[in-house]
Amino acid sequence: MKVTAIYFSATETTKKNVLSIAKALDETINEIDVTLPKQYGGQFGRGELVIFGAPVYGGTLPEAAYDRFAAFKGDNTPCILVSTYGNRHYDNALFNMAELVKQNGFIPFAGAAVIGQHTFGKIAVGRPDNNDLTLNARFAAKAAEKLSSGDIAPYSFPGEAVEKSKGRGGRFRPQTTDACIDCGLCTAQCPTGAIASDNRTIDDNKCISCFRCIRVCPVGAKVMDTPEYNEFAVSFSQKLAEPRQNEYFL
């Protein structure tokens, strides 16, 4: 069975979780990274397996991921859903992802709500770690067994329907310091095209506070360093200090 991994992963945390599951099923997987704003699409048949993965934004999947996942169609194609969250809760993310893919011809028979390092503060640092990746691989093996039995149906994930606009991300907007060398990498790598061609101006209506620009900047010129953010990051990190465990659904 051909395995395709389709993921939205601004900081590559979701990517790690998705690929650990996909490659446990088949080392020769097909990867489709939908993080950047491009044209996407594809058709999948009944003899294929698709893994959809996205982080949790505002208790659901990112609006950008929603729109890009919607471009893929199945024909009663089995799929696994992966929702990565930063130690708070996955809320309605799996439920809404499942509703979306079912409308497009997929059968979401299994899913995982897994931990990844939070974008803000210092929360779940280093996760997914080796133990997480091992657990993901074990889940993949069980999913493969269920799939081979032929007894699959859409899983009833916890949650409720919410508007996709809920997944627009946080309110924090990165700054640019004088260290900027105008390489343009932040602009080219922005998942929503929120950074203007001057590499500094950020469209408040497009930015989702993913901080991808901070992580890709080769000289550390993109930063998130305001009194409001720093105070929030400390408080949020303390609030979510207790480690949560991955949850798997079959």
Protein backbone atom coordinates (compact mmCIF):
# COMPACT_ATOMS: atom_id res chain seq x y z
CA MET A 1 0.00 0.00 0.00
CA LYS A 2 1.37 3.38 -1.00
CA VAL A 3 1.74 5.75 1.97
CA THR A 4 1.56 9.53 1.58
CA ALA A 5 2.26 11.99 4.40
CA ILE A 6 0.60 15.39 4.02
CA TYR A 7 1.50 17.89 6.71
CA PHE A 8 1.42 21.54 7.71
CA SER A 9 4.41 22.15 9.96
CA ALA A 10 5.69 25.70 10.42
CA THR A 11 8.43 24.72 12.89
CA GLU A 12 8.81 21.08 11.68
CA THR A 13 7.55 19.65 14.97
CA THR A 14 4.43 18.19 13.40
CA LYS A 15 6.60 16.92 10.55
CA LYS A 16 8.69 14.87 12.99
CA ASN A 17 5.61 13.27 14.49
CA VAL A 18 3.98 12.56 11.14
CA LEU A 19 7.08 11.06 9.56
CA SER A 20 7.77 8.84 12.57
CA ILE A 21 4.37 7.27 11.99
CA ALA A 22 4.55 7.20 8.20
CA LYS A 23 8.03 5.68 8.00
CA ALA A 24 7.09 3.00 10.51
CA LEU A 25 4.55 1.92 7.90
CA ASP A 26 6.73 2.32 4.80
CA GLU A 27 10.21 3.79 4.43
CA THR A 28 9.46 4.78 0.83
CA ILE A 29 6.70 7.25 1.64
CA ASN A 30 5.57 10.15 -0.49
CA GLU A 31 5.83 13.49 1.38
CA ILE A 32 3.68 16.53 0.64
CA ASP A 33 4.59 19.54 2.76
CA VAL A 34 1.74 22.07 2.55
CA THR A 35 3.28 24.62 4.93
CA LEU A 36 3.97 27.25 2.29
CA PRO A 37 1.29 29.13 0.31
CA LYS A 38 1.29 27.29 -3.01
CA GLN A 39 -1.21 25.42 -5.17
CA TYR A 40 -1.84 21.92 -3.86
CA GLY A 41 -4.03 19.03 -4.84
CA GLY A 42 -4.15 15.34 -5.51
CA GLN A 43 -6.41 12.32 -5.84
CA PHE A 44 -5.99 9.13 -3.79
CA GLY A 45 -7.54 5.71 -4.30
CA ARG A 46 -8.83 2.95 -2.05
CA GLY A 47 -5.57 1.06 -2.14
CA GLU A 48 -3.58 3.93 -0.65
CA LEU A 49 -3.03 5.33 2.84
CA VAL A 50 -2.76 9.03 3.63
CA ILE A 51 -1.52 10.58 6.87
CA PHE A 52 -2.67 14.15 7.52
CA GLY A 53 -0.83 16.15 10.18
CA ALA A 54 -1.17 19.66 11.59
CA PRO A 55 -0.54 21.55 14.83
CA VAL A 56 -3.31 22.90 17.06
CA TYR A 57 -4.11 26.60 16.69
CA GLY A 58 -6.95 28.06 18.74
CA GLY A 59 -8.22 24.60 19.62
CA THR A 60 -8.46 23.42 16.01
CA LEU A 61 -6.23 22.98 12.97
CA PRO A 62 -4.68 26.10 11.40
CA GLU A 63 -6.94 27.82 8.90
CA ALA A 64 -4.17 27.62 6.29
CA ALA A 65 -3.86 23.87 6.84
CA TYR A 66 -7.62 23.48 6.55
CA ASP A 67 -7.68 25.13 3.14
CA ARG A 68 -4.67 23.18 1.85
CA PHE A 69 -5.90 19.81 3.10
CA ALA A 70 -9.21 20.51 1.36
CA ALA A 71 -7.42 20.37 -1.99
CA PHE A 72 -6.84 16.61 -1.66
CA LYS A 73 -9.56 14.13 -2.57
CA GLY A 74 -10.00 10.46 -1.76
CA ASP A 75 -12.12 7.57 -2.92
CA ASN A 76 -12.93 5.87 0.37
CA THR A 77 -9.22 6.21 1.03
CA PRO A 78 -8.11 5.22 4.55
CA CYS A 79 -6.25 7.90 6.45
CA ILE A 80 -4.60 8.57 9.80
CA LEU A 81 -4.85 11.97 11.48
CA VAL A 82 -2.06 13.50 13.56
CA SER A 83 -2.60 16.56 15.74
CA THR A 84 0.45 18.06 17.47
CA TYR A 85 -0.07 20.33 20.45
CA GLY A 86 2.13 22.09 22.98
CA ASN A 87 1.14 20.46 26.24
CA ARG A 88 -2.19 22.26 26.78
CA HIS A 89 -4.84 20.28 24.87
CA TYR A 90 -5.78 19.30 21.33
CA ASP A 91 -9.39 20.39 21.93
CA ASN A 92 -11.36 20.09 18.65
CA ALA A 93 -8.45 19.65 16.24
CA LEU A 94 -8.86 15.94 15.50
CA PHE A 95 -12.64 16.22 15.29
CA ASN A 96 -12.53 19.05 12.78
CA MET A 97 -9.76 17.45 10.75
CA ALA A 98 -11.83 14.27 10.58
CA GLU A 99 -14.94 16.14 9.42
CA LEU A 100 -12.92 17.86 6.69
CA VAL A 101 -11.31 14.75 5.26
CA LYS A 102 -14.53 12.74 5.41
CA GLN A 103 -16.17 15.36 3.21
CA ASN A 104 -13.35 14.84 0.72
CA GLY A 105 -13.66 11.07 0.43
CA PHE A 106 -11.28 9.81 3.12
CA ILE A 107 -11.90 7.37 5.97
CA PRO A 108 -10.12 8.64 9.11
CA PHE A 109 -9.97 5.31 10.92
CA ALA A 110 -7.16 6.22 13.34
CA GLY A 111 -5.55 9.26 14.88
CA ALA A 112 -2.98 10.61 17.30
CA ALA A 113 -2.87 13.66 19.55
CA VAL A 114 0.83 14.03 20.23
CA ILE A 115 3.03 16.46 22.10
CA GLY A 116 5.43 18.87 20.42
CA GLN A 117 7.43 21.78 21.75
CA HIS A 118 5.18 24.82 22.05
CA THR A 119 5.88 27.86 19.90
CA PHE A 120 5.60 30.18 22.89
CA GLY A 121 7.78 30.14 26.00
CA LYS A 122 9.60 27.01 27.12
CA ILE A 123 6.99 24.30 27.05
CA ALA A 124 7.52 20.62 26.21
CA VAL A 125 11.06 21.50 25.17
CA GLY A 126 12.69 18.83 23.01
CA ARG A 127 9.49 17.00 22.23
CA PRO A 128 8.79 14.88 20.38
CA ASP A 129 11.67 13.02 22.03
CA ASN A 130 12.90 9.48 21.38
CA ASN A 131 10.22 8.01 23.62
CA ASP A 132 7.49 9.90 21.75
CA LEU A 133 8.81 8.68 18.41
CA THR A 134 8.91 5.10 19.68
CA LEU A 135 5.30 5.35 20.84
CA ASN A 136 4.34 6.78 17.46
CA ALA A 137 5.94 3.80 15.72
CA ARG A 138 4.05 1.36 17.96
CA PHE A 139 0.80 3.15 17.15
CA ALA A 140 1.63 2.86 13.44
CA ALA A 141 2.06 -0.90 13.81
CA LYS A 142 -1.36 -1.23 15.45
CA ALA A 143 -2.92 0.97 12.78
CA ALA A 144 -1.40 -1.27 10.10
CA GLU A 145 -2.92 -4.34 11.77
CA LYS A 146 -6.34 -2.71 11.83
CA LEU A 147 -6.01 -1.66 8.21
CA SER A 148 -4.98 -5.15 7.09
CA SER A 149 -8.04 -6.63 8.80
CA GLY A 150 -10.24 -4.65 6.42
CA ASP A 151 -12.50 -3.62 9.30
CA ILE A 152 -12.17 0.15 9.17
CA ALA A 153 -14.67 2.95 9.66
CA PRO A 154 -14.40 6.64 10.55
CA TYR A 155 -13.30 6.99 14.16
CA SER A 156 -15.46 9.16 16.44
CA PHE A 157 -12.87 11.62 17.69
CA PRO A 158 -13.64 13.80 20.72
CA GLY A 159 -14.53 17.42 20.13
CA GLU A 160 -17.07 19.54 18.33
CA ALA A 161 -17.34 21.51 15.13
CA VAL A 162 -15.84 25.02 15.18
CA GLU A 163 -15.38 27.59 12.46
CA LYS A 164 -12.09 27.28 10.59
CA SER A 165 -11.43 30.95 11.34
CA LYS A 166 -10.68 29.90 14.93
CA GLY A 167 -7.36 28.51 13.69
CA ARG A 168 -5.73 31.84 12.89
CA GLY A 169 -3.03 31.61 15.54
CA GLY A 170 -1.86 33.96 18.26
CA ARG A 171 -1.63 37.71 18.59
CA PHE A 172 2.15 38.12 18.81
CA ARG A 173 4.06 39.60 15.86
CA PRO A 174 7.84 39.16 15.51
CA GLN A 175 10.15 42.16 15.23
CA THR A 176 13.17 42.66 12.98
CA THR A 177 16.44 43.96 14.42
CA ASP A 178 19.23 45.90 12.73
CA ALA A 179 21.05 42.59 12.25
CA CYS A 180 18.82 41.86 9.23
CA ILE A 181 20.83 41.28 6.05
CA ASP A 182 17.78 41.27 3.74
CA CYS A 183 18.33 37.72 2.60
CA GLY A 184 14.57 37.36 2.14
CA LEU A 185 14.39 33.91 3.69
CA CYS A 186 11.75 34.92 6.25
CA THR A 187 9.55 36.34 3.51
CA ALA A 188 9.93 33.29 1.29
CA GLN A 189 9.30 30.86 4.16
CA CYS A 190 6.25 32.51 5.73
CA PRO A 191 3.35 30.00 5.72
CA THR A 192 0.75 32.67 5.04
CA GLY A 193 2.69 35.23 3.01
CA ALA A 194 2.39 37.70 5.88
CA ILE A 195 5.85 39.30 5.47
CA ALA A 196 6.19 42.06 2.87
CA SER A 197 9.01 42.28 0.32
CA ASP A 198 10.91 44.65 2.62
CA ASN A 199 11.38 41.61 4.92
CA ARG A 200 10.15 43.67 7.89
CA THR A 201 6.53 44.69 7.51
CA ILE A 202 4.13 42.03 8.80
CA ASP A 203 0.47 41.91 7.77
CA ASP A 204 -1.43 41.66 11.04
CA ASN A 205 -4.37 39.96 9.32
CA LYS A 206 -2.20 37.21 7.83
CA CYS A 207 0.37 36.47 10.55
CA ILE A 208 -0.46 33.35 12.60
CA SER A 209 2.31 33.75 15.20
CA CYS A 210 3.97 30.50 14.16
CA PHE A 211 7.44 32.08 14.59
CA ARG A 212 8.78 30.20 11.59
CA CYS A 213 10.53 33.41 10.53
CA ILE A 214 12.39 33.50 13.85
CA ARG A 215 13.58 29.94 13.40
CA VAL A 216 14.73 30.24 9.79
CA CYS A 217 16.55 33.59 10.08
CA PRO A 218 20.26 32.82 9.55
CA VAL A 219 21.46 35.80 11.61
CA GLY A 220 18.88 35.90 14.39
CA ALA A 221 17.39 39.19 13.21
CA LYS A 222 13.79 38.07 13.64
CA VAL A 223 12.86 38.11 17.34
CA MET A 224 9.89 38.06 19.69
CA ASP A 225 11.03 40.28 22.51
CA THR A 226 8.39 42.62 23.94
CA PRO A 227 7.42 43.10 27.60
CA GLU A 228 3.94 41.78 26.87
CA TYR A 229 5.21 38.61 25.20
CA ASN A 230 7.97 37.94 27.74
CA GLU A 231 5.53 38.24 30.63
CA PHE A 232 3.05 35.97 28.88
CA ALA A 233 5.73 33.39 27.98
CA VAL A 234 6.88 33.04 31.59
CA SER A 235 3.33 32.71 32.91
CA PHE A 236 2.26 30.31 30.14
CA SER A 237 5.34 28.14 30.62
CA GLN A 238 4.60 27.81 34.33
CA LYS A 239 0.95 27.01 33.66
CA LEU A 240 1.81 24.21 31.22
CA ALA A 241 4.84 22.82 33.03
CA GLU A 242 3.22 19.46 33.82
CA PRO A 243 4.05 17.07 30.94
CA ARG A 244 1.13 15.54 29.10
CA GLN A 245 1.17 12.17 27.38
CA ASN A 246 0.41 11.29 23.79
CA GLU A 247 -3.04 9.90 23.04
CA TYR A 248 -3.74 7.38 20.30
CA PHE A 249 -7.11 6.48 18.77
CA LEU A 250 -7.89 3.26 16.94
